[in-house]
């Protein structure tokens, strides 16, 4: 049986023989880009339409993942005055809830900026660097990166389904 061709330009494929950091960064960036690609080209009405019983919308996923990036990298590894790690169910629900006037374009830009900031912060530390965590006691950067890969990939799957339900568009990017 023939195997489908894998795009050799994909970051995870390019990093296939890289060190641990290169592989973790490549997979996280791949899933970040996948989420963004699912929201691109949609109207605000389409991106904010609720197609499932939960609060999950394509625009809401962008907003939620922006909070996730900020929570795990900025709040834990490079906190600024006033930063608060959000961890309640109410915080989680709020991270999916859109305010009037929020656009998919602005949400995508905020997510990209949060991802850029996360990359800058993560680059300052070794994978084994450990920080206090309000629920888990402490976490390493390695653990945080793996968690973000899992979280972002899970929501990329949600975005795949929502995009298909919105306009029939399918595919990993």
C-alpha atoms as a PDB file:
ATOM      1  CA  UNK A   1       0.000   0.000   0.000  1.00  0.00           C
ATOM      2  CA  UNK A   2       1.351   3.417  -0.943  1.00  0.00           C
ATOM      3  CA  UNK A   3       1.658   6.009   1.768  1.00  0.00           C
ATOM      4  CA  UNK A   4       0.530   9.565   1.113  1.00  0.00           C
ATOM      5  CA  UNK A   5       3.291  12.061   0.584  1.00  0.00           C
ATOM      6  CA  UNK A   6       4.110  14.171   3.625  1.00  0.00           C
ATOM      7  CA  UNK A   7       4.884  17.798   2.885  1.00  0.00           C
ATOM      8  CA  UNK A   8       8.643  17.990   3.537  1.00  0.00           C
ATOM      9  CA  UNK A   9       8.369  21.694   4.354  1.00  0.00           C
ATOM     10  CA  UNK A  10       6.273  21.108   7.484  1.00  0.00           C
ATOM     11  CA  UNK A  11       8.163  22.192  10.587  1.00  0.00           C
ATOM     12  CA  UNK A  12       7.692  18.854  12.409  1.00  0.00           C
ATOM     13  CA  UNK A  13       9.092  17.016   9.380  1.00  0.00           C
ATOM     14  CA  UNK A  14      12.035  19.400   9.108  1.00  0.00           C
ATOM     15  CA  UNK A  15      12.801  18.866  12.811  1.00  0.00           C
ATOM     16  CA  UNK A  16      12.548  15.059  12.625  1.00  0.00           C
ATOM     17  CA  UNK A  17      16.220  14.589  13.462  1.00  0.00           C
ATOM     18  CA  UNK A  18      16.608  17.731  15.547  1.00  0.00           C
ATOM     19  CA  UNK A  19      17.181  17.975  19.246  1.00  0.00           C
ATOM     20  CA  UNK A  20      14.350  17.797  21.748  1.00  0.00           C
ATOM     21  CA  UNK A  21      13.813  21.557  21.818  1.00  0.00           C
ATOM     22  CA  UNK A  22      13.606  21.846  18.032  1.00  0.00           C
ATOM     23  CA  UNK A  23      11.051  19.031  17.891  1.00  0.00           C
ATOM     24  CA  UNK A  24       8.884  20.459  20.690  1.00  0.00           C
ATOM     25  CA  UNK A  25       8.956  23.947  19.176  1.00  0.00           C
ATOM     26  CA  UNK A  26       8.148  22.618  15.694  1.00  0.00           C
ATOM     27  CA  UNK A  27       5.132  20.621  16.831  1.00  0.00           C
ATOM     28  CA  UNK A  28       3.751  23.483  18.914  1.00  0.00           C
ATOM     29  CA  UNK A  29       4.184  25.971  16.072  1.00  0.00           C
ATOM     30  CA  UNK A  30       2.565  23.517  13.637  1.00  0.00           C
ATOM     31  CA  UNK A  31      -0.552  23.258  15.788  1.00  0.00           C
ATOM     32  CA  UNK A  32      -0.630  27.019  16.392  1.00  0.00           C
ATOM     33  CA  UNK A  33      -0.568  27.611  12.631  1.00  0.00           C
ATOM     34  CA  UNK A  34      -3.260  24.988  12.107  1.00  0.00           C
ATOM     35  CA  UNK A  35      -5.639  26.738  14.504  1.00  0.00           C
ATOM     36  CA  UNK A  36      -5.008  30.072  12.803  1.00  0.00           C
ATOM     37  CA  UNK A  37      -5.574  28.577   9.354  1.00  0.00           C
ATOM     38  CA  UNK A  38      -9.015  27.314  10.390  1.00  0.00           C
ATOM     39  CA  UNK A  39     -10.154  30.816  11.329  1.00  0.00           C
ATOM     40  CA  UNK A  40      -8.628  32.603   8.331  1.00  0.00           C
ATOM     41  CA  UNK A  41     -10.993  33.650   5.584  1.00  0.00           C
ATOM     42  CA  UNK A  42     -14.127  33.473   7.711  1.00  0.00           C
ATOM     43  CA  UNK A  43     -16.476  36.332   8.373  1.00  0.00           C
ATOM     44  CA  UNK A  44     -16.932  37.417  11.965  1.00  0.00           C
ATOM     45  CA  UNK A  45     -20.440  35.954  11.825  1.00  0.00           C
ATOM     46  CA  UNK A  46     -19.119  32.554  10.715  1.00  0.00           C
ATOM     47  CA  UNK A  47     -16.236  32.549  13.206  1.00  0.00           C
ATOM     48  CA  UNK A  48     -18.524  33.405  16.118  1.00  0.00           C
ATOM     49  CA  UNK A  49     -21.414  31.077  15.219  1.00  0.00           C
ATOM     50  CA  UNK A  50     -22.092  28.423  17.858  1.00  0.00           C
ATOM     51  CA  UNK A  51     -22.357  25.064  16.113  1.00  0.00           C
ATOM     52  CA  UNK A  52     -22.047  22.860  19.198  1.00  0.00           C
ATOM     53  CA  UNK A  53     -23.772  23.029  22.605  1.00  0.00           C
ATOM     54  CA  UNK A  54     -20.638  24.294  24.396  1.00  0.00           C
ATOM     55  CA  UNK A  55     -19.249  27.835  24.198  1.00  0.00           C
ATOM     56  CA  UNK A  56     -16.762  26.652  21.547  1.00  0.00           C
ATOM     57  CA  UNK A  57     -16.594  28.743  18.372  1.00  0.00           C
ATOM     58  CA  UNK A  58     -13.670  29.310  16.025  1.00  0.00           C
ATOM     59  CA  UNK A  59     -13.267  32.859  17.314  1.00  0.00           C
ATOM     60  CA  UNK A  60     -13.645  31.614  20.886  1.00  0.00           C
ATOM     61  CA  UNK A  61     -10.865  29.074  20.317  1.00  0.00           C
ATOM     62  CA  UNK A  62      -8.518  31.881  19.275  1.00  0.00           C
ATOM     63  CA  UNK A  63      -9.423  33.864  22.375  1.00  0.00           C
ATOM     64  CA  UNK A  64      -9.079  30.831  24.658  1.00  0.00           C
ATOM     65  CA  UNK A  65      -5.706  29.809  23.232  1.00  0.00           C
ATOM     66  CA  UNK A  66      -4.454  33.382  23.646  1.00  0.00           C
ATOM     67  CA  UNK A  67      -5.279  33.100  27.360  1.00  0.00           C
ATOM     68  CA  UNK A  68      -3.625  29.667  27.490  1.00  0.00           C
ATOM     69  CA  UNK A  69      -0.391  30.997  25.932  1.00  0.00           C
ATOM     70  CA  UNK A  70      -0.341  33.930  28.354  1.00  0.00           C
ATOM     71  CA  UNK A  71      -1.140  31.723  31.331  1.00  0.00           C
ATOM     72  CA  UNK A  72       1.546  29.118  30.709  1.00  0.00           C
ATOM     73  CA  UNK A  73       4.425  31.222  29.461  1.00  0.00           C
ATOM     74  CA  UNK A  74       4.056  34.806  30.594  1.00  0.00           C
ATOM     75  CA  UNK A  75       2.292  34.253  33.940  1.00  0.00           C
ATOM     76  CA  UNK A  76       4.490  31.332  34.993  1.00  0.00           C
ATOM     77  CA  UNK A  77       7.884  31.974  33.385  1.00  0.00           C
ATOM     78  CA  UNK A  78       7.988  35.773  33.024  1.00  0.00           C
ATOM     79  CA  UNK A  79       5.252  37.332  35.138  1.00  0.00           C
ATOM     80  CA  UNK A  80       4.681  41.046  34.926  1.00  0.00           C
ATOM     81  CA  UNK A  81       3.081  43.196  37.635  1.00  0.00           C
ATOM     82  CA  UNK A  82      -0.622  42.437  37.825  1.00  0.00           C
ATOM     83  CA  UNK A  83      -0.413  39.099  35.997  1.00  0.00           C
ATOM     84  CA  UNK A  84      -2.736  36.532  37.513  1.00  0.00           C
ATOM     85  CA  UNK A  85      -2.718  32.861  36.600  1.00  0.00           C
ATOM     86  CA  UNK A  86      -6.305  31.955  35.701  1.00  0.00           C
ATOM     87  CA  UNK A  87      -7.460  28.513  36.748  1.00  0.00           C
ATOM     88  CA  UNK A  88     -11.147  28.412  37.643  1.00  0.00           C
ATOM     89  CA  UNK A  89     -14.023  27.069  35.565  1.00  0.00           C
ATOM     90  CA  UNK A  90     -15.394  30.611  35.396  1.00  0.00           C
ATOM     91  CA  UNK A  91     -12.031  31.765  33.966  1.00  0.00           C
ATOM     92  CA  UNK A  92     -12.117  28.947  31.424  1.00  0.00           C
ATOM     93  CA  UNK A  93     -15.648  29.825  30.336  1.00  0.00           C
ATOM     94  CA  UNK A  94     -14.748  33.509  30.104  1.00  0.00           C
ATOM     95  CA  UNK A  95     -11.787  32.688  27.875  1.00  0.00           C
ATOM     96  CA  UNK A  96     -14.217  31.360  25.223  1.00  0.00           C
ATOM     97  CA  UNK A  97     -16.761  34.167  25.616  1.00  0.00           C
ATOM     98  CA  UNK A  98     -16.594  36.951  23.073  1.00  0.00           C
ATOM     99  CA  UNK A  99     -17.280  40.577  23.914  1.00  0.00           C
ATOM    100  CA  UNK A 100     -19.187  42.824  21.513  1.00  0.00           C
ATOM    101  CA  UNK A 101     -16.900  44.149  18.821  1.00  0.00           C
ATOM    102  CA  UNK A 102     -14.263  41.406  19.018  1.00  0.00           C
ATOM    103  CA  UNK A 103     -13.376  40.397  15.476  1.00  0.00           C
ATOM    104  CA  UNK A 104     -11.783  37.244  14.184  1.00  0.00           C
ATOM    105  CA  UNK A 105      -9.005  39.373  12.663  1.00  0.00           C
ATOM    106  CA  UNK A 106      -8.210  41.044  15.994  1.00  0.00           C
ATOM    107  CA  UNK A 107      -8.437  37.743  17.877  1.00  0.00           C
ATOM    108  CA  UNK A 108      -6.066  36.077  15.384  1.00  0.00           C
ATOM    109  CA  UNK A 109      -3.621  38.979  15.720  1.00  0.00           C
ATOM    110  CA  UNK A 110      -3.773  38.763  19.529  1.00  0.00           C
ATOM    111  CA  UNK A 111      -3.151  35.006  19.355  1.00  0.00           C
ATOM    112  CA  UNK A 112      -0.186  35.472  17.036  1.00  0.00           C
ATOM    113  CA  UNK A 113       1.249  38.125  19.354  1.00  0.00           C
ATOM    114  CA  UNK A 114       0.781  35.856  22.382  1.00  0.00           C
ATOM    115  CA  UNK A 115       2.505  32.999  20.540  1.00  0.00           C
ATOM    116  CA  UNK A 116       5.403  35.286  19.589  1.00  0.00           C
ATOM    117  CA  UNK A 117       5.744  36.387  23.219  1.00  0.00           C
ATOM    118  CA  UNK A 118       5.612  32.769  24.384  1.00  0.00           C
ATOM    119  CA  UNK A 119       8.410  31.858  21.965  1.00  0.00           C
ATOM    120  CA  UNK A 120      10.550  34.725  23.279  1.00  0.00           C
ATOM    121  CA  UNK A 121       9.975  33.726  26.889  1.00  0.00           C
ATOM    122  CA  UNK A 122      10.547  30.007  26.316  1.00  0.00           C
ATOM    123  CA  UNK A 123      13.788  30.711  24.435  1.00  0.00           C
ATOM    124  CA  UNK A 124      15.260  32.255  27.602  1.00  0.00           C
ATOM    125  CA  UNK A 125      15.112  29.009  29.579  1.00  0.00           C
ATOM    126  CA  UNK A 126      16.432  25.467  29.393  1.00  0.00           C
ATOM    127  CA  UNK A 127      13.835  22.717  29.059  1.00  0.00           C
ATOM    128  CA  UNK A 128      14.564  21.602  32.609  1.00  0.00           C
ATOM    129  CA  UNK A 129      13.921  25.055  34.102  1.00  0.00           C
ATOM    130  CA  UNK A 130      11.306  24.692  36.869  1.00  0.00           C
ATOM    131  CA  UNK A 131       8.849  27.331  38.107  1.00  0.00           C
ATOM    132  CA  UNK A 132       6.165  27.316  40.793  1.00  0.00           C
ATOM    133  CA  UNK A 133       2.660  26.433  39.638  1.00  0.00           C
ATOM    134  CA  UNK A 134      -0.424  27.352  41.690  1.00  0.00           C
ATOM    135  CA  UNK A 135      -2.114  23.963  41.247  1.00  0.00           C
ATOM    136  CA  UNK A 136       0.646  21.494  40.406  1.00  0.00           C
ATOM    137  CA  UNK A 137       3.351  22.689  42.788  1.00  0.00           C
ATOM    138  CA  UNK A 138       5.933  23.193  40.083  1.00  0.00           C
ATOM    139  CA  UNK A 139       6.405  22.529  36.367  1.00  0.00           C
ATOM    140  CA  UNK A 140       9.351  22.461  34.008  1.00  0.00           C
ATOM    141  CA  UNK A 141       9.448  24.304  30.718  1.00  0.00           C
ATOM    142  CA  UNK A 142       9.547  20.881  29.039  1.00  0.00           C
ATOM    143  CA  UNK A 143       6.274  19.931  30.744  1.00  0.00           C
ATOM    144  CA  UNK A 144       4.682  23.268  29.829  1.00  0.00           C
ATOM    145  CA  UNK A 145       5.681  22.853  26.158  1.00  0.00           C
ATOM    146  CA  UNK A 146       4.289  19.321  25.997  1.00  0.00           C
ATOM    147  CA  UNK A 147       1.102  20.494  27.708  1.00  0.00           C
ATOM    148  CA  UNK A 148       0.738  23.357  25.214  1.00  0.00           C
ATOM    149  CA  UNK A 149       1.258  20.939  22.301  1.00  0.00           C
ATOM    150  CA  UNK A 150      -1.532  18.758  23.710  1.00  0.00           C
ATOM    151  CA  UNK A 151      -3.861  21.681  24.451  1.00  0.00           C
ATOM    152  CA  UNK A 152      -3.313  23.373  21.096  1.00  0.00           C
ATOM    153  CA  UNK A 153      -3.595  20.121  19.115  1.00  0.00           C
ATOM    154  CA  UNK A 154      -6.839  19.229  20.899  1.00  0.00           C
ATOM    155  CA  UNK A 155      -8.306  22.610  20.035  1.00  0.00           C
ATOM    156  CA  UNK A 156      -6.972  22.372  16.469  1.00  0.00           C
ATOM    157  CA  UNK A 157      -9.125  19.242  16.181  1.00  0.00           C
ATOM    158  CA  UNK A 158     -12.110  21.200  17.449  1.00  0.00           C
ATOM    159  CA  UNK A 159     -11.309  23.916  14.907  1.00  0.00           C
ATOM    160  CA  UNK A 160     -11.187  21.306  12.113  1.00  0.00           C
ATOM    161  CA  UNK A 161     -14.693  20.160  12.954  1.00  0.00           C
ATOM    162  CA  UNK A 162     -16.085  23.672  13.388  1.00  0.00           C
ATOM    163  CA  UNK A 163     -14.614  24.813  10.071  1.00  0.00           C
ATOM    164  CA  UNK A 164     -16.076  21.803   8.285  1.00  0.00           C
ATOM    165  CA  UNK A 165     -19.485  22.508   9.850  1.00  0.00           C
ATOM    166  CA  UNK A 166     -19.185  26.180   8.849  1.00  0.00           C
ATOM    167  CA  UNK A 167     -18.335  25.934   5.162  1.00  0.00           C
ATOM    168  CA  UNK A 168     -17.290  22.372   4.380  1.00  0.00           C
ATOM    169  CA  UNK A 169     -13.574  23.236   4.331  1.00  0.00           C
ATOM    170  CA  UNK A 170     -11.456  20.264   5.374  1.00  0.00           C
ATOM    171  CA  UNK A 171      -7.766  19.495   5.676  1.00  0.00           C
ATOM    172  CA  UNK A 172      -5.053  19.911   8.258  1.00  0.00           C
ATOM    173  CA  UNK A 173      -4.200  23.478   7.192  1.00  0.00           C
END
